[in-house]
Amino acid sequence: MKTILLSLVLSLFVFSGCATWKGLKKDSRNAWEVTKDTSAKAYNSSKNIFINRTN
């Protein structure tokens, strides 16, 4: 009985870890996309301000 219970708990832990890893990968991919978009907007805004002030 203890062996079955231990196997069940261990299996749940392993499978939840896999789901967490997939979620982590998805979250990090989304965070990277947001970072790239925000960085591009900041760069373009700074570039436009510089161009407008030098003209």
N, C-alpha and C. Protein backbone atom coordinates (compact mmCIF):
# COMPACT_ATOMS: atom_id res chain seq x y z
N MET A 1 0.83 -1.19 0.00
CA MET A 1 0.00 0.00 0.00
C MET A 1 0.87 1.25 0.00
N LYS A 2 1.92 1.24 0.83
CA LYS A 2 2.81 2.41 0.88
C LYS A 2 3.51 2.62 -0.46
N THR A 3 3.87 1.53 -1.11
CA THR A 3 4.56 1.62 -2.39
C THR A 3 3.66 2.23 -3.46
N ILE A 4 2.41 1.84 -3.47
CA ILE A 4 1.46 2.38 -4.44
C ILE A 4 1.25 3.86 -4.19
N LEU A 5 1.06 4.24 -2.94
CA LEU A 5 0.85 5.64 -2.59
C LEU A 5 2.08 6.47 -2.94
N LEU A 6 3.26 5.97 -2.62
CA LEU A 6 4.49 6.68 -2.94
C LEU A 6 4.66 6.83 -4.46
N SER A 7 4.34 5.79 -5.21
CA SER A 7 4.42 5.85 -6.67
C SER A 7 3.46 6.88 -7.23
N LEU A 8 2.25 6.92 -6.67
CA LEU A 8 1.25 7.89 -7.13
C LEU A 8 1.69 9.31 -6.85
N VAL A 9 2.18 9.57 -5.67
CA VAL A 9 2.65 10.92 -5.31
C VAL A 9 3.84 11.31 -6.18
N LEU A 10 4.77 10.40 -6.38
CA LEU A 10 5.94 10.68 -7.20
C LEU A 10 5.53 10.96 -8.65
N SER A 11 4.58 10.20 -9.17
CA SER A 11 4.10 10.42 -10.54
C SER A 11 3.44 11.78 -10.69
N LEU A 12 2.64 12.15 -9.71
CA LEU A 12 1.99 13.47 -9.76
C LEU A 12 3.02 14.59 -9.74
N PHE A 13 4.05 14.43 -8.93
CA PHE A 13 5.10 15.43 -8.85
C PHE A 13 5.84 15.56 -10.18
N VAL A 14 6.17 14.43 -10.79
CA VAL A 14 6.90 14.46 -12.06
C VAL A 14 6.06 15.08 -13.16
N PHE A 15 4.80 14.69 -13.27
CA PHE A 15 3.95 15.23 -14.33
C PHE A 15 3.63 16.70 -14.11
N SER A 16 3.48 17.12 -12.88
CA SER A 16 3.24 18.54 -12.64
C SER A 16 4.48 19.35 -12.98
N GLY A 17 5.65 18.77 -12.79
CA GLY A 17 6.90 19.44 -13.16
C GLY A 17 6.99 19.64 -14.66
N CYS A 18 6.54 18.68 -15.43
CA CYS A 18 6.55 18.80 -16.88
C CYS A 18 5.60 19.91 -17.33
N ALA A 19 4.44 19.95 -16.75
CA ALA A 19 3.48 20.99 -17.10
C ALA A 19 4.03 22.36 -16.73
N THR A 20 4.70 22.43 -15.59
CA THR A 20 5.28 23.69 -15.15
C THR A 20 6.39 24.13 -16.11
N TRP A 21 7.19 23.19 -16.57
CA TRP A 21 8.27 23.53 -17.50
C TRP A 21 7.70 24.06 -18.80
N LYS A 22 6.64 23.45 -19.33
CA LYS A 22 6.03 23.94 -20.56
C LYS A 22 5.45 25.33 -20.34
N GLY A 23 4.84 25.54 -19.20
CA GLY A 23 4.29 26.87 -18.89
C GLY A 23 5.39 27.90 -18.76
N LEU A 24 6.50 27.50 -18.17
CA LEU A 24 7.63 28.40 -18.02
C LEU A 24 8.20 28.79 -19.37
N LYS A 25 8.33 27.83 -20.27
CA LYS A 25 8.83 28.13 -21.61
C LYS A 25 7.89 29.08 -22.34
N LYS A 26 6.59 28.85 -22.22
CA LYS A 26 5.61 29.71 -22.88
C LYS A 26 5.66 31.11 -22.30
N ASP A 27 5.73 31.22 -20.97
CA ASP A 27 5.78 32.52 -20.33
C ASP A 27 7.05 33.29 -20.71
N SER A 28 8.17 32.59 -20.77
CA SER A 28 9.42 33.28 -21.12
C SER A 28 9.40 33.72 -22.58
N ARG A 29 8.77 32.94 -23.44
CA ARG A 29 8.65 33.34 -24.85
C ARG A 29 7.78 34.59 -24.98
N ASN A 30 6.67 34.62 -24.24
CA ASN A 30 5.80 35.80 -24.26
C ASN A 30 6.52 37.02 -23.69
N ALA A 31 7.26 36.84 -22.62
CA ALA A 31 8.01 37.95 -22.02
C ALA A 31 9.05 38.48 -22.99
N TRP A 32 9.71 37.60 -23.73
CA TRP A 32 10.71 38.04 -24.70
C TRP A 32 10.07 38.83 -25.82
N GLU A 33 8.91 38.40 -26.29
CA GLU A 33 8.21 39.14 -27.35
C GLU A 33 7.84 40.54 -26.88
N VAL A 34 7.33 40.65 -25.66
CA VAL A 34 6.97 41.96 -25.10
C VAL A 34 8.21 42.83 -24.95
N THR A 35 9.30 42.24 -24.51
CA THR A 35 10.55 42.99 -24.35
C THR A 35 11.04 43.51 -25.69
N LYS A 36 11.00 42.67 -26.73
CA LYS A 36 11.44 43.11 -28.06
C LYS A 36 10.56 44.25 -28.57
N ASP A 37 9.24 44.13 -28.42
CA ASP A 37 8.33 45.16 -28.89
C ASP A 37 8.56 46.47 -28.15
N THR A 38 8.69 46.39 -26.83
CA THR A 38 8.88 47.59 -26.03
C THR A 38 10.23 48.24 -26.34
N SER A 39 11.26 47.43 -26.52
CA SER A 39 12.58 47.98 -26.84
C SER A 39 12.56 48.67 -28.20
N ALA A 40 11.88 48.09 -29.16
CA ALA A 40 11.80 48.70 -30.49
C ALA A 40 11.04 50.02 -30.42
N LYS A 41 9.97 50.07 -29.65
CA LYS A 41 9.22 51.32 -29.50
C LYS A 41 10.07 52.40 -28.84
N ALA A 42 10.80 52.02 -27.80
CA ALA A 42 11.66 52.98 -27.09
C ALA A 42 12.77 53.48 -28.02
N TYR A 43 13.36 52.58 -28.78
CA TYR A 43 14.43 52.96 -29.71
C TYR A 43 13.90 53.93 -30.76
N ASN A 44 12.77 53.59 -31.36
CA ASN A 44 12.21 54.46 -32.40
C ASN A 44 11.81 55.81 -31.85
N SER A 45 11.25 55.82 -30.65
CA SER A 45 10.87 57.09 -30.03
C SER A 45 12.09 57.96 -29.76
N SER A 46 13.13 57.36 -29.23
CA SER A 46 14.37 58.10 -28.96
C SER A 46 14.99 58.61 -30.25
N LYS A 47 14.97 57.78 -31.28
CA LYS A 47 15.53 58.18 -32.57
C LYS A 47 14.76 59.36 -33.15
N ASN A 48 13.43 59.31 -33.07
CA ASN A 48 12.61 60.40 -33.60
C ASN A 48 12.85 61.70 -32.82
N ILE A 49 12.98 61.62 -31.52
CA ILE A 49 13.26 62.82 -30.72
C ILE A 49 14.60 63.41 -31.12
N PHE A 50 15.61 62.57 -31.28
CA PHE A 50 16.94 63.04 -31.68
C PHE A 50 16.90 63.69 -33.05
N ILE A 51 16.19 63.07 -33.99
CA ILE A 51 16.11 63.63 -35.35
C ILE A 51 15.38 64.96 -35.33
N ASN A 52 14.30 65.06 -34.58
CA ASN A 52 13.53 66.30 -34.52
C ASN A 52 14.34 67.44 -33.87
N ARG A 53 15.16 67.13 -32.90
CA ARG A 53 15.95 68.16 -32.23
C ARG A 53 17.15 68.58 -33.03
N THR A 54 17.66 67.73 -33.90
CA THR A 54 18.84 68.09 -34.69
C THR A 54 18.46 68.79 -35.99
N ASN A 55 17.20 68.77 -36.36
CA ASN A 55 16.77 69.44 -37.60
C ASN A 55 16.44 70.87 -37.36
